């Protein structure tokens, strides 16, 4: 078979070849753009994944520390609960009749309640009073004039509560009868 090629046919083939090359360049440019976009997206996703792994590790460490603290706090709470129960049982078993408490007053305001006067004296040492300070009765002076003052209270079974051990003498009003 013999084929006769004319110049018109050659021009058409050259034009088609040029169009194919142009189309190939366009497709290659689109492919390069798509590839670049894909690579950028891959880098971004990889970066986010790495940051997520680091954050997850940090959160894991924080959670681990918090769980350890929670466990320690629960253990301490359990021990305190056991101690409270023991003290309640001890308190219920002991009669309060004749029992005394000491209230430490600071300028007449209640500061702390103690089981003994000695405990109150020891506490004032933590607030700046010399440990060897001599405590004297305050007499009739108002409590607000004393920096530190101890008041004793004893259990009164009739009122089911504590009352002052020292009750001041009532003053007469107006001296007239």
C-alpha atoms as a PDB file:
ATOM      1  CA  UNK A   1       0.000   0.000   0.000  1.00  0.00           C
ATOM      2  CA  UNK A   2       1.280   3.280  -1.002  1.00  0.00           C
ATOM      3  CA  UNK A   3       0.260   6.412   0.675  1.00  0.00           C
ATOM      4  CA  UNK A   4       0.616   9.761  -0.862  1.00  0.00           C
ATOM      5  CA  UNK A   5       1.337  12.562   1.548  1.00  0.00           C
ATOM      6  CA  UNK A   6       0.501  16.063   0.521  1.00  0.00           C
ATOM      7  CA  UNK A   7       1.732  19.317   1.998  1.00  0.00           C
ATOM      8  CA  UNK A   8      -1.730  20.099   3.299  1.00  0.00           C
ATOM      9  CA  UNK A   9      -1.791  16.795   5.061  1.00  0.00           C
ATOM     10  CA  UNK A  10       1.700  17.471   6.506  1.00  0.00           C
ATOM     11  CA  UNK A  11       0.576  20.902   7.744  1.00  0.00           C
ATOM     12  CA  UNK A  12      -2.442  19.380   9.420  1.00  0.00           C
ATOM     13  CA  UNK A  13      -0.260  16.703  11.074  1.00  0.00           C
ATOM     14  CA  UNK A  14       2.200  19.397  12.226  1.00  0.00           C
ATOM     15  CA  UNK A  15      -0.679  21.502  13.592  1.00  0.00           C
ATOM     16  CA  UNK A  16      -2.095  18.494  15.370  1.00  0.00           C
ATOM     17  CA  UNK A  17       1.376  17.739  16.758  1.00  0.00           C
ATOM     18  CA  UNK A  18       1.749  21.368  17.934  1.00  0.00           C
ATOM     19  CA  UNK A  19      -1.691  21.245  19.517  1.00  0.00           C
ATOM     20  CA  UNK A  20      -0.799  17.935  21.195  1.00  0.00           C
ATOM     21  CA  UNK A  21       2.459  19.461  22.537  1.00  0.00           C
ATOM     22  CA  UNK A  22       0.562  22.520  23.790  1.00  0.00           C
ATOM     23  CA  UNK A  23      -2.060  20.311  25.401  1.00  0.00           C
ATOM     24  CA  UNK A  24       0.741  18.160  26.902  1.00  0.00           C
ATOM     25  CA  UNK A  25       2.377  21.308  28.405  1.00  0.00           C
ATOM     26  CA  UNK A  26      -0.986  22.425  29.854  1.00  0.00           C
ATOM     27  CA  UNK A  27      -1.637  18.992  31.322  1.00  0.00           C
ATOM     28  CA  UNK A  28       1.927  18.884  32.699  1.00  0.00           C
ATOM     29  CA  UNK A  29       1.431  22.353  34.284  1.00  0.00           C
ATOM     30  CA  UNK A  30      -1.853  21.190  35.826  1.00  0.00           C
ATOM     31  CA  UNK A  31      -0.177  18.018  37.054  1.00  0.00           C
ATOM     32  CA  UNK A  32       2.715  20.032  38.544  1.00  0.00           C
ATOM     33  CA  UNK A  33       0.240  22.357  40.259  1.00  0.00           C
ATOM     34  CA  UNK A  34      -1.729  19.414  41.615  1.00  0.00           C
ATOM     35  CA  UNK A  35       1.479  17.719  42.773  1.00  0.00           C
ATOM     36  CA  UNK A  36       2.690  20.913  44.519  1.00  0.00           C
ATOM     37  CA  UNK A  37      -0.676  21.317  46.207  1.00  0.00           C
ATOM     38  CA  UNK A  38      -0.621  17.674  47.279  1.00  0.00           C
ATOM     39  CA  UNK A  39       2.923  17.997  48.696  1.00  0.00           C
ATOM     40  CA  UNK A  40       2.019  21.200  50.602  1.00  0.00           C
ATOM     41  CA  UNK A  41      -1.083  19.539  52.013  1.00  0.00           C
ATOM     42  CA  UNK A  42       0.947  16.455  52.940  1.00  0.00           C
ATOM     43  CA  UNK A  43       3.485  18.617  54.788  1.00  0.00           C
ATOM     44  CA  UNK A  44       0.692  20.491  56.598  1.00  0.00           C
ATOM     45  CA  UNK A  45      -1.039  17.247  57.607  1.00  0.00           C
ATOM     46  CA  UNK A  46       2.275  15.745  58.762  1.00  0.00           C
ATOM     47  CA  UNK A  47       3.022  18.884  60.812  1.00  0.00           C
ATOM     48  CA  UNK A  48      -0.425  18.789  62.432  1.00  0.00           C
ATOM     49  CA  UNK A  49      -0.005  15.100  63.194  1.00  0.00           C
ATOM     50  CA  UNK A  50       3.403  15.673  64.791  1.00  0.00           C
ATOM     51  CA  UNK A  51       2.039  18.562  66.884  1.00  0.00           C
ATOM     52  CA  UNK A  52      -0.917  16.399  67.907  1.00  0.00           C
ATOM     53  CA  UNK A  53       1.459  13.624  68.989  1.00  0.00           C
ATOM     54  CA  UNK A  54       3.525  16.071  71.067  1.00  0.00           C
ATOM     55  CA  UNK A  55       0.384  17.563  72.608  1.00  0.00           C
ATOM     56  CA  UNK A  56      -0.971  14.102  73.330  1.00  0.00           C
ATOM     57  CA  UNK A  57       2.278  13.167  75.067  1.00  0.00           C
ATOM     58  CA  UNK A  58       2.196  16.382  77.146  1.00  0.00           C
ATOM     59  CA  UNK A  59      -1.447  15.866  78.069  1.00  0.00           C
ATOM     60  CA  UNK A  60      -0.630  12.269  78.991  1.00  0.00           C
ATOM     61  CA  UNK A  61       2.121  13.440  81.347  1.00  0.00           C
ATOM     62  CA  UNK A  62      -0.145  16.077  82.902  1.00  0.00           C
ATOM     63  CA  UNK A  63      -2.934  13.539  83.304  1.00  0.00           C
ATOM     64  CA  UNK A  64      -0.536  11.056  84.841  1.00  0.00           C
ATOM     65  CA  UNK A  65       0.624  13.663  87.367  1.00  0.00           C
ATOM     66  CA  UNK A  66      -2.952  14.689  88.120  1.00  0.00           C
ATOM     67  CA  UNK A  67      -3.953  11.069  88.650  1.00  0.00           C
ATOM     68  CA  UNK A  68      -1.030  10.583  91.040  1.00  0.00           C
ATOM     69  CA  UNK A  69      -2.039  13.730  92.968  1.00  0.00           C
ATOM     70  CA  UNK A  70      -5.664  12.601  93.006  1.00  0.00           C
ATOM     71  CA  UNK A  71      -4.660   9.206  94.336  1.00  0.00           C
ATOM     72  CA  UNK A  72      -2.554  10.804  97.069  1.00  0.00           C
ATOM     73  CA  UNK A  73      -5.390  13.189  97.978  1.00  0.00           C
ATOM     74  CA  UNK A  74      -7.891  10.320  98.090  1.00  0.00           C
ATOM     75  CA  UNK A  75      -5.522   8.349 100.323  1.00  0.00           C
ATOM     76  CA  UNK A  76      -5.102  11.352 102.627  1.00  0.00           C
ATOM     77  CA  UNK A  77      -8.863  11.918 102.669  1.00  0.00           C
ATOM     78  CA  UNK A  78      -9.435   8.284 103.559  1.00  0.00           C
ATOM     79  CA  UNK A  79      -6.929   8.502 106.427  1.00  0.00           C
ATOM     80  CA  UNK A  80      -8.567  11.684 107.713  1.00  0.00           C
ATOM     81  CA  UNK A  81     -12.000  10.061 107.463  1.00  0.00           C
ATOM     82  CA  UNK A  82     -10.751   7.107 109.502  1.00  0.00           C
ATOM     83  CA  UNK A  83      -9.269   9.487 112.086  1.00  0.00           C
ATOM     84  CA  UNK A  84     -12.536  11.473 112.280  1.00  0.00           C
ATOM     85  CA  UNK A  85     -14.511   8.267 112.852  1.00  0.00           C
ATOM     86  CA  UNK A  86     -12.077   7.179 115.550  1.00  0.00           C
ATOM     87  CA  UNK A  87     -12.303  10.547 117.284  1.00  0.00           C
ATOM     88  CA  UNK A  88     -16.114  10.535 117.083  1.00  0.00           C
ATOM     89  CA  UNK A  89     -16.257   7.083 118.639  1.00  0.00           C
ATOM     90  CA  UNK A  90     -13.845   8.217 121.335  1.00  0.00           C
ATOM     91  CA  UNK A  91     -15.900  11.369 121.946  1.00  0.00           C
ATOM     92  CA  UNK A  92     -19.178   9.436 122.150  1.00  0.00           C
ATOM     93  CA  UNK A  93     -17.661   7.054 124.688  1.00  0.00           C
ATOM     94  CA  UNK A  94     -16.433   9.786 127.028  1.00  0.00           C
ATOM     95  CA  UNK A  95     -18.707  11.827 129.259  1.00  0.00           C
ATOM     96  CA  UNK A  96     -18.326  15.552 128.782  1.00  0.00           C
ATOM     97  CA  UNK A  97     -19.275  16.319 132.389  1.00  0.00           C
ATOM     98  CA  UNK A  98     -16.586  18.497 133.964  1.00  0.00           C
ATOM     99  CA  UNK A  99     -14.638  18.775 130.731  1.00  0.00           C
ATOM    100  CA  UNK A 100     -13.006  22.142 130.031  1.00  0.00           C
ATOM    101  CA  UNK A 101     -12.070  24.044 126.913  1.00  0.00           C
ATOM    102  CA  UNK A 102      -9.954  27.151 126.539  1.00  0.00           C
ATOM    103  CA  UNK A 103     -10.789  29.848 124.031  1.00  0.00           C
ATOM    104  CA  UNK A 104      -7.940  32.076 122.972  1.00  0.00           C
ATOM    105  CA  UNK A 105      -9.170  35.641 122.380  1.00  0.00           C
ATOM    106  CA  UNK A 106      -7.294  38.221 120.344  1.00  0.00           C
ATOM    107  CA  UNK A 107      -8.430  41.734 121.299  1.00  0.00           C
ATOM    108  CA  UNK A 108     -11.676  40.227 122.581  1.00  0.00           C
ATOM    109  CA  UNK A 109     -12.468  38.243 119.419  1.00  0.00           C
ATOM    110  CA  UNK A 110     -12.379  34.429 119.525  1.00  0.00           C
ATOM    111  CA  UNK A 111      -9.260  33.187 117.774  1.00  0.00           C
ATOM    112  CA  UNK A 112      -9.012  29.443 118.445  1.00  0.00           C
ATOM    113  CA  UNK A 113     -10.436  26.786 120.787  1.00  0.00           C
ATOM    114  CA  UNK A 114      -8.039  24.482 122.655  1.00  0.00           C
ATOM    115  CA  UNK A 115      -8.376  21.439 124.866  1.00  0.00           C
ATOM    116  CA  UNK A 116      -6.068  22.989 127.480  1.00  0.00           C
ATOM    117  CA  UNK A 117      -4.732  26.342 128.582  1.00  0.00           C
ATOM    118  CA  UNK A 118      -1.167  25.175 127.902  1.00  0.00           C
ATOM    119  CA  UNK A 119      -2.042  24.523 124.255  1.00  0.00           C
ATOM    120  CA  UNK A 120      -3.411  28.073 123.994  1.00  0.00           C
ATOM    121  CA  UNK A 121      -0.238  29.508 125.536  1.00  0.00           C
ATOM    122  CA  UNK A 122       1.888  27.516 123.097  1.00  0.00           C
ATOM    123  CA  UNK A 123      -0.119  28.835 120.155  1.00  0.00           C
ATOM    124  CA  UNK A 124       0.371  32.458 121.178  1.00  0.00           C
ATOM    125  CA  UNK A 125       4.109  31.804 120.932  1.00  0.00           C
ATOM    126  CA  UNK A 126       3.597  31.209 117.198  1.00  0.00           C
ATOM    127  CA  UNK A 127       1.944  34.653 117.013  1.00  0.00           C
ATOM    128  CA  UNK A 128       4.833  36.576 118.534  1.00  0.00           C
ATOM    129  CA  UNK A 129       4.299  36.198 122.312  1.00  0.00           C
ATOM    130  CA  UNK A 130       7.485  35.128 124.059  1.00  0.00           C
ATOM    131  CA  UNK A 131       7.286  31.458 125.155  1.00  0.00           C
ATOM    132  CA  UNK A 132       8.410  32.438 128.666  1.00  0.00           C
ATOM    133  CA  UNK A 133       5.865  35.282 128.961  1.00  0.00           C
ATOM    134  CA  UNK A 134       4.072  35.465 132.268  1.00  0.00           C
ATOM    135  CA  UNK A 135       0.300  35.271 131.978  1.00  0.00           C
ATOM    136  CA  UNK A 136      -1.609  37.217 134.587  1.00  0.00           C
ATOM    137  CA  UNK A 137      -5.326  37.409 135.308  1.00  0.00           C
ATOM    138  CA  UNK A 138      -6.948  40.237 133.403  1.00  0.00           C
ATOM    139  CA  UNK A 139      -9.376  40.968 136.178  1.00  0.00           C
ATOM    140  CA  UNK A 140     -12.254  43.232 135.238  1.00  0.00           C
ATOM    141  CA  UNK A 141     -10.567  44.739 132.178  1.00  0.00           C
ATOM    142  CA  UNK A 142     -12.628  44.422 128.991  1.00  0.00           C
ATOM    143  CA  UNK A 143     -11.423  41.623 126.742  1.00  0.00           C
ATOM    144  CA  UNK A 144     -10.933  44.063 123.856  1.00  0.00           C
ATOM    145  CA  UNK A 145      -8.095  45.764 125.777  1.00  0.00           C
ATOM    146  CA  UNK A 146      -6.022  42.566 125.929  1.00  0.00           C
ATOM    147  CA  UNK A 147      -3.926  41.470 122.977  1.00  0.00           C
ATOM    148  CA  UNK A 148      -4.224  37.802 123.942  1.00  0.00           C
ATOM    149  CA  UNK A 149      -6.576  36.460 126.571  1.00  0.00           C
ATOM    150  CA  UNK A 150      -7.582  32.933 127.577  1.00  0.00           C
ATOM    151  CA  UNK A 151     -11.119  32.172 128.668  1.00  0.00           C
ATOM    152  CA  UNK A 152     -11.965  28.827 130.265  1.00  0.00           C
ATOM    153  CA  UNK A 153     -15.267  27.077 129.576  1.00  0.00           C
ATOM    154  CA  UNK A 154     -16.645  23.986 131.316  1.00  0.00           C
ATOM    155  CA  UNK A 155     -19.313  21.583 130.144  1.00  0.00           C
ATOM    156  CA  UNK A 156     -22.753  22.214 131.597  1.00  0.00           C
ATOM    157  CA  UNK A 157     -24.929  19.099 131.352  1.00  0.00           C
ATOM    158  CA  UNK A 158     -28.118  21.080 132.044  1.00  0.00           C
ATOM    159  CA  UNK A 159     -27.703  23.261 128.970  1.00  0.00           C
ATOM    160  CA  UNK A 160     -25.902  20.515 127.023  1.00  0.00           C
ATOM    161  CA  UNK A 161     -23.154  22.991 126.183  1.00  0.00           C
ATOM    162  CA  UNK A 162     -20.185  24.866 127.572  1.00  0.00           C
ATOM    163  CA  UNK A 163     -20.412  27.866 129.870  1.00  0.00           C
ATOM    164  CA  UNK A 164     -17.811  30.268 131.137  1.00  0.00           C
ATOM    165  CA  UNK A 165     -15.850  28.971 134.093  1.00  0.00           C
ATOM    166  CA  UNK A 166     -15.439  32.507 135.416  1.00  0.00           C
ATOM    167  CA  UNK A 167     -18.605  34.577 135.468  1.00  0.00           C
ATOM    168  CA  UNK A 168     -17.994  38.258 136.223  1.00  0.00           C
ATOM    169  CA  UNK A 169     -19.743  39.729 139.235  1.00  0.00           C
ATOM    170  CA  UNK A 170     -22.760  41.720 138.076  1.00  0.00           C
ATOM    171  CA  UNK A 171     -22.459  45.429 138.748  1.00  0.00           C
ATOM    172  CA  UNK A 172     -25.214  47.196 140.558  1.00  0.00           C
ATOM    173  CA  UNK A 173     -27.073  49.797 138.581  1.00  0.00           C
ATOM    174  CA  UNK A 174     -27.522  53.215 140.139  1.00  0.00           C
ATOM    175  CA  UNK A 175     -26.956  52.130 143.795  1.00  0.00           C
ATOM    176  CA  UNK A 176     -30.621  52.804 144.620  1.00  0.00           C
ATOM    177  CA  UNK A 177     -33.008  50.146 145.804  1.00  0.00           C
END
